[in-house]
Amino acid sequence: MKYKSLIILLAFVIFAFVIGVKAQPIQPTQSLQLKTFKINKTLADCGYGPSAANCIKSNPKTCIGLRESGVLAAYQAPQADGILHVWYQDEHALSLGSGTVSPMNQNPGHVVNPNTGNPNGVDPQGRPLRPGLFITDITDNSKDKSGDWEWGGKLHEVHEIFGSWKSLNARNPKPNGRNLGPGSLNPPANVIDRYTSEVRWDMNKLSLKKGRTYRLEFMVHDGDFGGDSGEKCAIINY
């Protein structure tokens, strides 16, 4: 009887120990550091033009109007995936730049890290003839616009394009309408012209810093020298 009691007690201790071990929470391994972008504000425009409050006479670029701003039909500011989506539309295909640019090997086309031709290609107003993204860190000064094109900011090249495009002065491809091809996002309802494109910039490929706030200015051009360029701005938190 004595030994039987000891055996029962020992069995109980072992059972309690096993249960206790199993009950210990699993310690997670080091978590992945994912980049997350949040929209701070979408702006109706970037605040430039002849009648705008930001028209600085000493800097003529700030006073230039957009004759055909509708070519930049819509955009989706970077969210969790860090992708800025911009939709272009016009009676002419998107200008990918002047000189030799990446060809459309199919219609609708798709290209990653395209060749945008001559980096000095601009229209008479000085705007780039290729898609361009301009970035300003406004964490310490919410009114800072020093990275904008109007103030000589650096142009960040486009990362990916769906739909249609051409080199400056080249013939238009066959109209693609709203068909942007596999892998693209469905264009917003107002993107309805003969030629449309989805232009993407990937914030994850740029040297942005965690915990900072950025002003994004992005531009597209239809290749006409009358200044047929569209630009929009957005503010994001990283």
C-alpha atoms as a PDB file:
ATOM      1  CA  MET A   1       0.000   0.000   0.000  1.00  0.00           C
ATOM      2  CA  LYS A   2       2.878   2.305   0.878  1.00  0.00           C
ATOM      3  CA  TYR A   3       4.616   1.681  -2.449  1.00  0.00           C
ATOM      4  CA  LYS A   4       1.346   2.039  -4.313  1.00  0.00           C
ATOM      5  CA  SER A   5       0.806   5.493  -2.776  1.00  0.00           C
ATOM      6  CA  LEU A   6       4.350   6.531  -3.732  1.00  0.00           C
ATOM      7  CA  ILE A   7       3.801   5.353  -7.294  1.00  0.00           C
ATOM      8  CA  ILE A   8       0.534   7.311  -7.547  1.00  0.00           C
ATOM      9  CA  LEU A   9       2.217  10.416  -6.103  1.00  0.00           C
ATOM     10  CA  LEU A  10       5.150  10.083  -8.501  1.00  0.00           C
ATOM     11  CA  ALA A  11       2.789   9.645 -11.455  1.00  0.00           C
ATOM     12  CA  PHE A  12       0.900  12.778 -10.396  1.00  0.00           C
ATOM     13  CA  VAL A  13       4.125  14.822 -10.169  1.00  0.00           C
ATOM     14  CA  ILE A  14       5.266  13.654 -13.625  1.00  0.00           C
ATOM     15  CA  PHE A  15       1.822  14.416 -15.087  1.00  0.00           C
ATOM     16  CA  ALA A  16       1.808  17.909 -13.559  1.00  0.00           C
ATOM     17  CA  PHE A  17       5.345  18.556 -14.864  1.00  0.00           C
ATOM     18  CA  VAL A  18       4.416  17.499 -18.412  1.00  0.00           C
ATOM     19  CA  ILE A  19       1.277  19.624 -18.387  1.00  0.00           C
ATOM     20  CA  GLY A  20       3.268  22.565 -17.076  1.00  0.00           C
ATOM     21  CA  VAL A  21       5.841  22.233 -19.838  1.00  0.00           C
ATOM     22  CA  LYS A  22       3.157  22.031 -22.499  1.00  0.00           C
ATOM     23  CA  ALA A  23       1.412  25.040 -21.049  1.00  0.00           C
ATOM     24  CA  GLN A  24       4.467  27.255 -21.510  1.00  0.00           C
ATOM     25  CA  PRO A  25       3.815  29.812 -24.251  1.00  0.00           C
ATOM     26  CA  ILE A  26       5.850  29.454 -27.429  1.00  0.00           C
ATOM     27  CA  GLN A  27       8.334  32.265 -27.685  1.00  0.00           C
ATOM     28  CA  PRO A  28       8.152  33.852 -31.128  1.00  0.00           C
ATOM     29  CA  THR A  29      11.216  34.243 -33.275  1.00  0.00           C
ATOM     30  CA  GLN A  30      12.277  37.767 -34.245  1.00  0.00           C
ATOM     31  CA  SER A  31       9.442  39.334 -36.225  1.00  0.00           C
ATOM     32  CA  LEU A  32       9.908  40.596 -39.756  1.00  0.00           C
ATOM     33  CA  GLN A  33      10.259  44.347 -40.063  1.00  0.00           C
ATOM     34  CA  LEU A  34       7.624  45.200 -42.658  1.00  0.00           C
ATOM     35  CA  LYS A  35       7.505  48.615 -44.266  1.00  0.00           C
ATOM     36  CA  THR A  36       4.125  50.258 -43.800  1.00  0.00           C
ATOM     37  CA  PHE A  37       3.072  53.508 -45.419  1.00  0.00           C
ATOM     38  CA  LYS A  38      -0.020  55.437 -44.333  1.00  0.00           C
ATOM     39  CA  ILE A  39      -1.761  58.173 -46.269  1.00  0.00           C
ATOM     40  CA  ASN A  40      -1.550  61.424 -44.341  1.00  0.00           C
ATOM     41  CA  LYS A  41      -3.305  63.657 -46.859  1.00  0.00           C
ATOM     42  CA  THR A  42      -4.230  63.694 -50.532  1.00  0.00           C
ATOM     43  CA  LEU A  43      -4.014  67.139 -52.092  1.00  0.00           C
ATOM     44  CA  ALA A  44      -6.365  68.515 -54.744  1.00  0.00           C
ATOM     45  CA  ASP A  45      -3.316  70.059 -56.413  1.00  0.00           C
ATOM     46  CA  CYS A  46       0.251  70.945 -55.558  1.00  0.00           C
ATOM     47  CA  GLY A  47      -0.471  74.636 -55.048  1.00  0.00           C
ATOM     48  CA  TYR A  48       1.309  76.123 -58.071  1.00  0.00           C
ATOM     49  CA  GLY A  49       0.119  78.279 -60.969  1.00  0.00           C
ATOM     50  CA  PRO A  50      -0.231  81.929 -62.009  1.00  0.00           C
ATOM     51  CA  SER A  51      -3.024  82.695 -59.532  1.00  0.00           C
ATOM     52  CA  ALA A  52      -1.912  80.422 -56.712  1.00  0.00           C
ATOM     53  CA  ALA A  53      -0.646  81.629 -53.376  1.00  0.00           C
ATOM     54  CA  ASN A  54       2.566  79.709 -54.040  1.00  0.00           C
ATOM     55  CA  CYS A  55       3.419  81.681 -57.207  1.00  0.00           C
ATOM     56  CA  ILE A  56       6.780  83.165 -56.290  1.00  0.00           C
ATOM     57  CA  LYS A  57       7.809  85.762 -58.872  1.00  0.00           C
ATOM     58  CA  SER A  58      11.499  85.102 -58.259  1.00  0.00           C
ATOM     59  CA  ASN A  59      10.936  81.456 -59.273  1.00  0.00           C
ATOM     60  CA  PRO A  60       8.948  81.384 -62.550  1.00  0.00           C
ATOM     61  CA  LYS A  61       8.443  77.617 -62.346  1.00  0.00           C
ATOM     62  CA  THR A  62       6.058  78.085 -59.421  1.00  0.00           C
ATOM     63  CA  CYS A  63       3.807  80.276 -61.598  1.00  0.00           C
ATOM     64  CA  ILE A  64       3.422  77.895 -64.557  1.00  0.00           C
ATOM     65  CA  GLY A  65      -0.097  76.621 -65.053  1.00  0.00           C
ATOM     66  CA  LEU A  66      -1.133  73.148 -66.188  1.00  0.00           C
ATOM     67  CA  ARG A  67      -2.819  73.462 -69.568  1.00  0.00           C
ATOM     68  CA  GLU A  68      -4.030  69.878 -69.617  1.00  0.00           C
ATOM     69  CA  SER A  69      -3.766  68.579 -66.068  1.00  0.00           C
ATOM     70  CA  GLY A  70      -6.436  65.953 -66.784  1.00  0.00           C
ATOM     71  CA  VAL A  71      -3.828  63.671 -68.350  1.00  0.00           C
ATOM     72  CA  LEU A  72      -3.092  62.651 -64.742  1.00  0.00           C
ATOM     73  CA  ALA A  73      -6.577  61.256 -64.292  1.00  0.00           C
ATOM     74  CA  ALA A  74      -6.306  59.581 -60.882  1.00  0.00           C
ATOM     75  CA  TYR A  75      -3.910  58.178 -58.330  1.00  0.00           C
ATOM     76  CA  GLN A  76      -3.757  55.936 -55.287  1.00  0.00           C
ATOM     77  CA  ALA A  77      -1.292  57.065 -52.649  1.00  0.00           C
ATOM     78  CA  PRO A  78       1.061  54.442 -51.137  1.00  0.00           C
ATOM     79  CA  GLN A  79      -0.532  52.272 -48.475  1.00  0.00           C
ATOM     80  CA  ALA A  80       0.675  49.060 -46.840  1.00  0.00           C
ATOM     81  CA  ASP A  81       2.348  47.816 -50.022  1.00  0.00           C
ATOM     82  CA  GLY A  82       4.250  51.059 -50.520  1.00  0.00           C
ATOM     83  CA  ILE A  83       3.167  51.437 -54.168  1.00  0.00           C
ATOM     84  CA  LEU A  84       2.134  54.776 -55.652  1.00  0.00           C
ATOM     85  CA  HIS A  85      -0.327  54.100 -58.499  1.00  0.00           C
ATOM     86  CA  VAL A  86      -0.906  56.862 -61.061  1.00  0.00           C
ATOM     87  CA  TRP A  87      -3.355  56.634 -63.970  1.00  0.00           C
ATOM     88  CA  TYR A  88      -2.781  58.545 -67.200  1.00  0.00           C
ATOM     89  CA  GLN A  89      -5.251  59.148 -70.009  1.00  0.00           C
ATOM     90  CA  ASP A  90      -5.259  61.205 -73.201  1.00  0.00           C
ATOM     91  CA  GLU A  91      -5.874  61.125 -76.958  1.00  0.00           C
ATOM     92  CA  HIS A  92      -2.125  60.466 -77.223  1.00  0.00           C
ATOM     93  CA  ALA A  93      -0.150  57.685 -75.541  1.00  0.00           C
ATOM     94  CA  LEU A  94       1.901  58.482 -72.442  1.00  0.00           C
ATOM     95  CA  SER A  95       5.294  60.039 -73.175  1.00  0.00           C
ATOM     96  CA  LEU A  96       7.932  57.750 -71.694  1.00  0.00           C
ATOM     97  CA  GLY A  97      10.640  60.233 -72.633  1.00  0.00           C
ATOM     98  CA  SER A  98      12.593  61.594 -75.574  1.00  0.00           C
ATOM     99  CA  GLY A  99      15.080  59.584 -77.612  1.00  0.00           C
ATOM    100  CA  THR A 100      15.246  55.801 -77.285  1.00  0.00           C
ATOM    101  CA  VAL A 101      12.842  54.400 -74.711  1.00  0.00           C
ATOM    102  CA  SER A 102      11.651  50.904 -73.797  1.00  0.00           C
ATOM    103  CA  PRO A 103       9.435  49.612 -76.624  1.00  0.00           C
ATOM    104  CA  MET A 104       5.937  48.222 -76.300  1.00  0.00           C
ATOM    105  CA  ASN A 105       6.408  44.560 -77.219  1.00  0.00           C
ATOM    106  CA  GLN A 106       2.678  43.925 -76.944  1.00  0.00           C
ATOM    107  CA  ASN A 107      -0.499  45.956 -76.601  1.00  0.00           C
ATOM    108  CA  PRO A 108      -1.365  46.629 -73.845  1.00  0.00           C
ATOM    109  CA  GLY A 109       2.227  46.630 -72.714  1.00  0.00           C
ATOM    110  CA  HIS A 110       4.068  46.088 -69.444  1.00  0.00           C
ATOM    111  CA  VAL A 111       7.594  47.112 -68.511  1.00  0.00           C
ATOM    112  CA  VAL A 112       9.615  47.136 -65.278  1.00  0.00           C
ATOM    113  CA  ASN A 113      12.365  49.729 -64.707  1.00  0.00           C
ATOM    114  CA  PRO A 114      11.895  51.149 -68.205  1.00  0.00           C
ATOM    115  CA  ASN A 115      14.446  53.027 -70.258  1.00  0.00           C
ATOM    116  CA  THR A 116      13.121  56.590 -70.295  1.00  0.00           C
ATOM    117  CA  GLY A 117      15.514  57.944 -72.900  1.00  0.00           C
ATOM    118  CA  ASN A 118      17.266  61.292 -72.662  1.00  0.00           C
ATOM    119  CA  PRO A 119      17.344  62.441 -68.997  1.00  0.00           C
ATOM    120  CA  ASN A 120      17.536  66.046 -70.185  1.00  0.00           C
ATOM    121  CA  GLY A 121      14.363  65.826 -72.273  1.00  0.00           C
ATOM    122  CA  VAL A 122      11.979  68.596 -71.184  1.00  0.00           C
ATOM    123  CA  ASP A 123       9.161  70.663 -72.692  1.00  0.00           C
ATOM    124  CA  PRO A 124       9.424  74.455 -73.208  1.00  0.00           C
ATOM    125  CA  GLN A 125       8.330  75.012 -69.597  1.00  0.00           C
ATOM    126  CA  GLY A 126      11.127  72.764 -68.383  1.00  0.00           C
ATOM    127  CA  ARG A 127       8.876  69.923 -67.280  1.00  0.00           C
ATOM    128  CA  PRO A 128      10.239  66.391 -67.797  1.00  0.00           C
ATOM    129  CA  LEU A 129       8.923  64.516 -70.828  1.00  0.00           C
ATOM    130  CA  ARG A 130       9.000  61.272 -68.830  1.00  0.00           C
ATOM    131  CA  PRO A 131       7.089  60.284 -65.694  1.00  0.00           C
ATOM    132  CA  GLY A 132       8.706  61.742 -62.602  1.00  0.00           C
ATOM    133  CA  LEU A 133       8.346  61.502 -58.826  1.00  0.00           C
ATOM    134  CA  PHE A 134       9.720  64.216 -56.531  1.00  0.00           C
ATOM    135  CA  ILE A 135      10.016  63.750 -52.773  1.00  0.00           C
ATOM    136  CA  THR A 136      10.397  66.170 -49.852  1.00  0.00           C
ATOM    137  CA  ASP A 137      10.919  65.145 -46.229  1.00  0.00           C
ATOM    138  CA  ILE A 138       8.533  67.485 -44.379  1.00  0.00           C
ATOM    139  CA  THR A 139       8.808  65.894 -40.932  1.00  0.00           C
ATOM    140  CA  ASP A 140      10.413  68.990 -39.419  1.00  0.00           C
ATOM    141  CA  ASN A 141       8.712  71.559 -41.664  1.00  0.00           C
ATOM    142  CA  SER A 142       5.246  70.779 -43.007  1.00  0.00           C
ATOM    143  CA  LYS A 143       5.474  73.660 -45.496  1.00  0.00           C
ATOM    144  CA  ASP A 144       8.724  72.515 -47.075  1.00  0.00           C
ATOM    145  CA  LYS A 145       8.480  71.963 -50.852  1.00  0.00           C
ATOM    146  CA  SER A 146      12.170  71.992 -51.664  1.00  0.00           C
ATOM    147  CA  GLY A 147      12.006  68.534 -53.256  1.00  0.00           C
ATOM    148  CA  ASP A 148       9.306  69.549 -55.764  1.00  0.00           C
ATOM    149  CA  TRP A 149      10.172  69.935 -59.457  1.00  0.00           C
ATOM    150  CA  GLU A 150       9.396  73.653 -59.163  1.00  0.00           C
ATOM    151  CA  TRP A 151      12.254  74.014 -56.679  1.00  0.00           C
ATOM    152  CA  GLY A 152      14.806  71.839 -58.455  1.00  0.00           C
ATOM    153  CA  GLY A 153      14.057  68.554 -56.690  1.00  0.00           C
ATOM    154  CA  LYS A 154      15.491  65.216 -57.773  1.00  0.00           C
ATOM    155  CA  LEU A 155      13.432  63.186 -60.254  1.00  0.00           C
ATOM    156  CA  HIS A 156      12.912  59.559 -59.230  1.00  0.00           C
ATOM    157  CA  GLU A 157      12.459  57.300 -62.245  1.00  0.00           C
ATOM    158  CA  VAL A 158       9.306  55.262 -62.733  1.00  0.00           C
ATOM    159  CA  HIS A 159       9.506  51.616 -61.619  1.00  0.00           C
ATOM    160  CA  GLU A 160       6.720  49.976 -63.632  1.00  0.00           C
ATOM    161  CA  ILE A 161       4.199  50.822 -66.363  1.00  0.00           C
ATOM    162  CA  PHE A 162       1.104  49.048 -67.704  1.00  0.00           C
ATOM    163  CA  GLY A 163      -0.959  50.013 -70.751  1.00  0.00           C
ATOM    164  CA  SER A 164       0.421  52.182 -73.563  1.00  0.00           C
ATOM    165  CA  TRP A 165       3.327  54.572 -74.047  1.00  0.00           C
ATOM    166  CA  LYS A 166       5.655  55.956 -76.691  1.00  0.00           C
ATOM    167  CA  SER A 167       8.760  58.021 -77.224  1.00  0.00           C
ATOM    168  CA  LEU A 168       8.428  61.734 -77.911  1.00  0.00           C
ATOM    169  CA  ASN A 169       7.397  62.381 -81.536  1.00  0.00           C
ATOM    170  CA  ALA A 170       6.863  58.656 -82.193  1.00  0.00           C
ATOM    171  CA  ARG A 171       3.613  57.434 -83.693  1.00  0.00           C
ATOM    172  CA  ASN A 172       0.875  56.438 -81.303  1.00  0.00           C
ATOM    173  CA  PRO A 173       0.322  52.697 -80.850  1.00  0.00           C
ATOM    174  CA  LYS A 174      -3.096  51.180 -81.342  1.00  0.00           C
ATOM    175  CA  PRO A 175      -5.481  52.631 -78.715  1.00  0.00           C
ATOM    176  CA  ASN A 176      -5.805  50.406 -75.651  1.00  0.00           C
ATOM    177  CA  GLY A 177      -8.762  52.162 -73.993  1.00  0.00           C
ATOM    178  CA  ARG A 178      -9.266  50.943 -70.414  1.00  0.00           C
ATOM    179  CA  ASN A 179      -7.365  47.721 -71.038  1.00  0.00           C
ATOM    180  CA  LEU A 180      -4.109  47.961 -69.067  1.00  0.00           C
ATOM    181  CA  GLY A 181      -3.198  44.287 -69.298  1.00  0.00           C
ATOM    182  CA  PRO A 182      -2.472  41.473 -66.820  1.00  0.00           C
ATOM    183  CA  GLY A 183      -1.104  42.483 -63.421  1.00  0.00           C
ATOM    184  CA  SER A 184      -2.514  46.000 -63.515  1.00  0.00           C
ATOM    185  CA  LEU A 185      -5.162  47.424 -61.236  1.00  0.00           C
ATOM    186  CA  ASN A 186      -8.599  48.128 -62.628  1.00  0.00           C
ATOM    187  CA  PRO A 187      -8.518  51.805 -63.628  1.00  0.00           C
ATOM    188  CA  PRO A 188     -10.881  54.210 -61.838  1.00  0.00           C
ATOM    189  CA  ALA A 189     -14.191  54.935 -63.558  1.00  0.00           C
ATOM    190  CA  ASN A 190     -13.029  58.316 -64.895  1.00  0.00           C
ATOM    191  CA  VAL A 191     -10.129  56.760 -66.861  1.00  0.00           C
ATOM    192  CA  ILE A 192     -11.893  56.371 -70.207  1.00  0.00           C
ATOM    193  CA  ASP A 193      -9.772  57.972 -72.970  1.00  0.00           C
ATOM    194  CA  ARG A 194      -8.274  56.323 -76.072  1.00  0.00           C
ATOM    195  CA  TYR A 195      -4.903  55.806 -74.389  1.00  0.00           C
ATOM    196  CA  THR A 196      -4.464  54.899 -70.738  1.00  0.00           C
ATOM    197  CA  SER A 197      -1.570  53.835 -68.527  1.00  0.00           C
ATOM    198  CA  GLU A 198      -0.916  52.816 -64.950  1.00  0.00           C
ATOM    199  CA  VAL A 199       2.384  54.225 -63.722  1.00  0.00           C
ATOM    200  CA  ARG A 200       3.923  52.888 -60.510  1.00  0.00           C
ATOM    201  CA  TRP A 201       6.597  53.967 -58.081  1.00  0.00           C
ATOM    202  CA  ASP A 202       7.638  51.595 -55.288  1.00  0.00           C
ATOM    203  CA  MET A 203       8.462  53.480 -52.079  1.00  0.00           C
ATOM    204  CA  ASN A 204      10.283  50.388 -50.778  1.00  0.00           C
ATOM    205  CA  LYS A 205      12.971  50.954 -53.419  1.00  0.00           C
ATOM    206  CA  LEU A 206      13.640  54.517 -52.324  1.00  0.00           C
ATOM    207  CA  SER A 207      15.778  55.709 -49.425  1.00  0.00           C
ATOM    208  CA  LEU A 208      12.939  56.720 -47.134  1.00  0.00           C
ATOM    209  CA  LYS A 209      13.348  56.641 -43.364  1.00  0.00           C
ATOM    210  CA  LYS A 210      11.042  55.058 -40.830  1.00  0.00           C
ATOM    211  CA  GLY A 211       9.027  57.504 -38.748  1.00  0.00           C
ATOM    212  CA  ARG A 212       9.282  60.339 -41.275  1.00  0.00           C
ATOM    213  CA  THR A 213       6.614  62.241 -43.206  1.00  0.00           C
ATOM    214  CA  TYR A 214       7.014  62.887 -46.918  1.00  0.00           C
ATOM    215  CA  ARG A 215       5.452  65.119 -49.556  1.00  0.00           C
ATOM    216  CA  LEU A 216       5.179  63.357 -52.918  1.00  0.00           C
ATOM    217  CA  GLU A 217       4.841  65.256 -56.190  1.00  0.00           C
ATOM    218  CA  PHE A 218       4.343  63.164 -59.328  1.00  0.00           C
ATOM    219  CA  MET A 219       4.089  64.156 -62.970  1.00  0.00           C
ATOM    220  CA  VAL A 220       3.167  62.597 -66.322  1.00  0.00           C
ATOM    221  CA  HIS A 221       3.293  64.123 -69.823  1.00  0.00           C
ATOM    222  CA  ASP A 222       1.572  63.459 -73.148  1.00  0.00           C
ATOM    223  CA  GLY A 223       4.493  64.723 -75.229  1.00  0.00           C
ATOM    224  CA  ASP A 224       2.843  67.854 -76.576  1.00  0.00           C
ATOM    225  CA  PHE A 225       5.066  70.904 -76.255  1.00  0.00           C
ATOM    226  CA  GLY A 226       2.167  73.084 -75.209  1.00  0.00           C
ATOM    227  CA  GLY A 227       2.734  72.004 -71.629  1.00  0.00           C
ATOM    228  CA  ASP A 228       0.308  69.092 -71.572  1.00  0.00           C
ATOM    229  CA  SER A 229       1.518  67.770 -68.255  1.00  0.00           C
ATOM    230  CA  GLY A 230      -0.373  66.659 -65.181  1.00  0.00           C
ATOM    231  CA  GLU A 231       0.878  66.773 -61.612  1.00  0.00           C
ATOM    232  CA  LYS A 232      -0.563  65.855 -58.235  1.00  0.00           C
ATOM    233  CA  CYS A 233       0.706  65.722 -54.678  1.00  0.00           C
ATOM    234  CA  ALA A 234       0.139  63.590 -51.597  1.00  0.00           C
ATOM    235  CA  ILE A 235       1.570  63.394 -48.086  1.00  0.00           C
ATOM    236  CA  ILE A 236       2.455  60.035 -46.528  1.00  0.00           C
ATOM    237  CA  ASN A 237       3.750  58.814 -43.184  1.00  0.00           C
ATOM    238  CA  TYR A 238       6.288  56.020 -43.121  1.00  0.00           C
END
